[in-house]
N, C-alpha and C. Protein backbone atom coordinates (compact mmCIF):
# COMPACT_ATOMS: atom_id res chain seq x y z
N MET A 1 83.61 82.87 81.81
CA MET A 1 84.98 83.17 81.42
C MET A 1 85.91 82.30 82.27
N PRO A 2 86.90 81.69 81.67
CA PRO A 2 87.84 80.87 82.43
C PRO A 2 88.63 81.69 83.47
N ARG A 3 89.02 81.01 84.53
CA ARG A 3 89.82 81.63 85.60
C ARG A 3 91.20 80.99 85.61
N PHE A 4 92.21 81.81 85.91
CA PHE A 4 93.60 81.36 85.89
C PHE A 4 94.33 81.82 87.15
N ILE A 5 95.31 81.03 87.57
CA ILE A 5 96.28 81.43 88.59
C ILE A 5 97.60 81.63 87.86
N ILE A 6 98.20 82.80 88.08
CA ILE A 6 99.48 83.11 87.47
C ILE A 6 100.52 83.22 88.57
N GLU A 7 101.56 82.43 88.48
CA GLU A 7 102.66 82.48 89.45
C GLU A 7 103.77 83.34 88.85
N ARG A 8 104.25 84.30 89.65
CA ARG A 8 105.30 85.21 89.19
C ARG A 8 106.41 85.26 90.24
N THR A 9 107.65 85.43 89.78
CA THR A 9 108.78 85.63 90.66
C THR A 9 109.39 87.00 90.39
N PHE A 10 109.60 87.75 91.46
CA PHE A 10 110.26 89.06 91.40
C PHE A 10 111.54 88.93 92.20
N LYS A 11 112.68 88.73 91.52
CA LYS A 11 113.93 88.41 92.22
C LYS A 11 114.35 89.50 93.21
N ASP A 12 114.00 90.76 92.92
CA ASP A 12 114.32 91.85 93.84
C ASP A 12 113.15 92.21 94.75
N GLY A 13 112.07 91.47 94.65
CA GLY A 13 110.88 91.74 95.46
C GLY A 13 109.96 92.72 94.76
N LEU A 14 108.70 92.58 95.02
CA LEU A 14 107.68 93.46 94.45
C LEU A 14 107.30 94.50 95.50
N THR A 15 107.38 95.75 95.10
CA THR A 15 106.97 96.84 95.98
C THR A 15 105.95 97.70 95.26
N VAL A 16 104.76 97.77 95.82
CA VAL A 16 103.73 98.67 95.31
C VAL A 16 103.43 99.64 96.45
N PRO A 17 103.86 100.89 96.31
CA PRO A 17 103.65 101.83 97.40
C PRO A 17 102.17 102.09 97.67
N ILE A 18 101.85 102.28 98.93
CA ILE A 18 100.49 102.64 99.31
C ILE A 18 100.39 104.16 99.18
N SER A 19 100.17 104.57 97.95
CA SER A 19 100.16 106.00 97.62
C SER A 19 99.42 106.18 96.31
N ASP A 20 99.29 107.41 95.89
CA ASP A 20 98.69 107.68 94.58
C ASP A 20 99.49 107.01 93.47
N GLU A 21 100.82 106.97 93.62
CA GLU A 21 101.68 106.35 92.62
C GLU A 21 101.39 104.85 92.52
N GLY A 22 101.22 104.19 93.64
CA GLY A 22 100.91 102.75 93.64
C GLY A 22 99.53 102.49 93.05
N ALA A 23 98.57 103.33 93.40
CA ALA A 23 97.22 103.19 92.85
C ALA A 23 97.22 103.38 91.34
N GLU A 24 97.98 104.36 90.87
CA GLU A 24 98.07 104.62 89.43
C GLU A 24 98.72 103.44 88.71
N ALA A 25 99.74 102.83 89.32
CA ALA A 25 100.39 101.67 88.72
C ALA A 25 99.38 100.51 88.57
N CYS A 26 98.57 100.30 89.59
CA CYS A 26 97.56 99.23 89.52
C CYS A 26 96.51 99.54 88.47
N ARG A 27 96.06 100.78 88.40
CA ARG A 27 95.08 101.16 87.37
C ARG A 27 95.65 100.96 85.97
N GLY A 28 96.94 101.26 85.81
CA GLY A 28 97.57 101.06 84.51
C GLY A 28 97.57 99.61 84.09
N ILE A 29 97.80 98.71 85.04
CA ILE A 29 97.75 97.28 84.76
C ILE A 29 96.35 96.87 84.32
N VAL A 30 95.36 97.37 85.03
CA VAL A 30 93.97 97.04 84.70
C VAL A 30 93.63 97.49 83.28
N VAL A 31 94.05 98.68 82.91
CA VAL A 31 93.77 99.21 81.57
C VAL A 31 94.44 98.35 80.50
N LYS A 32 95.72 98.03 80.69
CA LYS A 32 96.45 97.22 79.70
C LYS A 32 95.88 95.81 79.62
N ASN A 33 95.46 95.25 80.77
CA ASN A 33 94.83 93.93 80.76
C ASN A 33 93.55 93.94 79.92
N GLY A 34 92.79 95.02 80.05
CA GLY A 34 91.53 95.13 79.32
C GLY A 34 91.73 95.02 77.81
N GLY A 35 92.84 95.54 77.33
CA GLY A 35 93.14 95.45 75.91
C GLY A 35 93.33 94.02 75.42
N ALA A 36 93.61 93.12 76.35
CA ALA A 36 93.78 91.70 76.01
C ALA A 36 92.54 90.89 76.41
N GLY A 37 91.49 91.58 76.91
CA GLY A 37 90.29 90.88 77.34
C GLY A 37 90.45 90.15 78.65
N VAL A 38 91.36 90.65 79.49
CA VAL A 38 91.73 89.98 80.74
C VAL A 38 91.35 90.87 81.93
N THR A 39 90.88 90.24 83.02
CA THR A 39 90.54 90.95 84.25
C THR A 39 91.37 90.43 85.41
N TRP A 40 92.05 91.35 86.10
CA TRP A 40 92.80 91.00 87.31
C TRP A 40 91.80 90.97 88.46
N VAL A 41 91.63 89.82 89.10
CA VAL A 41 90.69 89.67 90.20
C VAL A 41 91.35 90.08 91.51
N HIS A 42 92.46 89.44 91.86
CA HIS A 42 93.28 89.81 93.02
C HIS A 42 94.56 88.99 93.00
N SER A 43 95.46 89.33 93.90
CA SER A 43 96.74 88.64 93.98
C SER A 43 97.11 88.36 95.43
N TYR A 44 97.91 87.32 95.60
CA TYR A 44 98.50 86.99 96.89
C TYR A 44 100.00 87.22 96.75
N VAL A 45 100.59 87.83 97.77
CA VAL A 45 102.02 88.16 97.74
C VAL A 45 102.70 87.43 98.89
N SER A 46 103.80 86.76 98.60
CA SER A 46 104.53 86.05 99.66
C SER A 46 105.12 87.05 100.66
N LYS A 47 105.42 86.55 101.84
CA LYS A 47 105.93 87.41 102.92
C LYS A 47 107.19 88.17 102.51
N ASP A 48 108.06 87.52 101.72
CA ASP A 48 109.29 88.18 101.29
C ASP A 48 109.11 89.04 100.03
N HIS A 49 107.89 89.08 99.51
CA HIS A 49 107.52 89.89 98.34
C HIS A 49 108.19 89.43 97.04
N LYS A 50 108.71 88.21 97.02
CA LYS A 50 109.40 87.73 95.82
C LYS A 50 108.49 86.88 94.92
N LYS A 51 107.38 86.41 95.44
CA LYS A 51 106.45 85.59 94.65
C LYS A 51 105.06 86.20 94.75
N THR A 52 104.35 86.16 93.62
CA THR A 52 102.93 86.49 93.65
C THR A 52 102.15 85.37 92.99
N TYR A 53 100.92 85.22 93.43
CA TYR A 53 99.97 84.26 92.88
C TYR A 53 98.73 85.07 92.55
N CYS A 54 98.52 85.30 91.27
CA CYS A 54 97.50 86.23 90.82
C CYS A 54 96.31 85.48 90.23
N VAL A 55 95.12 85.92 90.59
CA VAL A 55 93.89 85.34 90.07
C VAL A 55 93.39 86.26 88.96
N TYR A 56 93.24 85.70 87.78
CA TYR A 56 92.81 86.46 86.61
C TYR A 56 91.68 85.72 85.91
N ASP A 57 90.79 86.48 85.27
CA ASP A 57 89.81 85.92 84.36
C ASP A 57 90.21 86.35 82.95
N GLY A 58 90.08 85.44 82.01
CA GLY A 58 90.42 85.76 80.64
C GLY A 58 89.98 84.67 79.70
N PRO A 59 90.00 84.96 78.41
CA PRO A 59 89.50 83.98 77.44
C PRO A 59 90.38 82.73 77.31
N ASP A 60 91.71 82.88 77.48
CA ASP A 60 92.60 81.73 77.34
C ASP A 60 94.00 82.10 77.85
N GLU A 61 94.87 81.10 77.92
CA GLU A 61 96.22 81.32 78.43
C GLU A 61 96.99 82.32 77.57
N LYS A 62 96.78 82.28 76.27
CA LYS A 62 97.47 83.21 75.38
C LYS A 62 97.17 84.66 75.76
N ALA A 63 95.91 84.96 76.05
CA ALA A 63 95.53 86.33 76.45
C ALA A 63 96.15 86.70 77.79
N ILE A 64 96.22 85.75 78.72
CA ILE A 64 96.84 86.00 80.02
C ILE A 64 98.31 86.37 79.83
N ARG A 65 99.00 85.61 79.02
CA ARG A 65 100.42 85.88 78.76
C ARG A 65 100.61 87.20 78.00
N GLN A 66 99.71 87.51 77.08
CA GLN A 66 99.78 88.76 76.35
C GLN A 66 99.62 89.95 77.30
N ALA A 67 98.68 89.85 78.24
CA ALA A 67 98.48 90.93 79.21
C ALA A 67 99.73 91.12 80.07
N ALA A 68 100.34 90.03 80.50
CA ALA A 68 101.57 90.12 81.30
C ALA A 68 102.67 90.81 80.52
N GLU A 69 102.81 90.45 79.25
CA GLU A 69 103.84 91.06 78.41
C GLU A 69 103.59 92.57 78.26
N ARG A 70 102.35 92.95 78.04
CA ARG A 70 102.00 94.37 77.91
C ARG A 70 102.37 95.16 79.16
N ASN A 71 102.29 94.49 80.31
CA ASN A 71 102.56 95.15 81.58
C ASN A 71 103.99 94.96 82.05
N GLY A 72 104.80 94.23 81.29
CA GLY A 72 106.18 93.99 81.70
C GLY A 72 106.29 93.14 82.95
N LEU A 73 105.33 92.22 83.12
CA LEU A 73 105.30 91.36 84.31
C LEU A 73 105.81 89.96 83.97
N PRO A 74 106.57 89.35 84.88
CA PRO A 74 107.05 88.00 84.64
C PRO A 74 105.92 86.97 84.76
N VAL A 75 106.10 85.84 84.12
CA VAL A 75 105.16 84.71 84.24
C VAL A 75 105.98 83.45 84.41
N ASP A 76 105.85 82.80 85.56
CA ASP A 76 106.50 81.51 85.78
C ASP A 76 105.60 80.37 85.33
N ALA A 77 104.31 80.48 85.64
CA ALA A 77 103.35 79.43 85.30
C ALA A 77 101.96 80.02 85.22
N VAL A 78 101.16 79.46 84.33
CA VAL A 78 99.75 79.81 84.19
C VAL A 78 98.96 78.52 84.30
N SER A 79 97.98 78.49 85.19
CA SER A 79 97.14 77.30 85.36
C SER A 79 95.68 77.70 85.31
N GLU A 80 94.92 77.05 84.45
CA GLU A 80 93.47 77.26 84.46
C GLU A 80 92.90 76.51 85.66
N VAL A 81 92.02 77.16 86.41
CA VAL A 81 91.50 76.59 87.65
C VAL A 81 89.98 76.73 87.71
N SER A 82 89.38 75.99 88.63
CA SER A 82 87.97 76.16 88.96
C SER A 82 87.86 76.28 90.47
N VAL A 83 86.75 76.77 90.93
CA VAL A 83 86.55 77.02 92.35
C VAL A 83 86.10 75.74 93.06
N LEU A 84 86.73 75.49 94.18
CA LEU A 84 86.29 74.44 95.10
C LEU A 84 86.32 75.07 96.47
N ASP A 85 85.18 75.09 97.13
CA ASP A 85 85.15 75.65 98.48
C ASP A 85 84.32 74.74 99.36
N PRO A 86 84.42 74.91 100.69
CA PRO A 86 83.74 74.00 101.60
C PRO A 86 82.21 74.13 101.57
N TYR A 87 81.69 75.17 100.95
CA TYR A 87 80.25 75.39 100.90
C TYR A 87 79.61 74.73 99.68
N PHE A 88 80.44 74.20 98.80
CA PHE A 88 79.97 73.55 97.58
C PHE A 88 79.05 72.37 97.90
N TYR A 89 79.33 71.67 99.00
CA TYR A 89 78.63 70.42 99.30
C TYR A 89 77.40 70.60 100.19
N ARG A 90 76.95 71.78 100.39
CA ARG A 90 75.76 72.00 101.22
C ARG A 90 74.50 71.70 100.48
């Protein structure tokens, strides 16, 4: 399955509480993503909480964008990527 990096901007900052409410919000995203055939792998959040860089697996960019729309999440850019790590050359 192809892997994608999704860049998002949250002008007021992204806040996900470390609570049952925050966990439920994340589970809801996972469920809605599944309807588009998309899996959220993990995300990186900038120090000011205004940018996220999310790693997703999905069939294509259209499905990635559809999942974001279902979840009411912004999308600045979607890039299909492959893994390069320092252990590749061993």
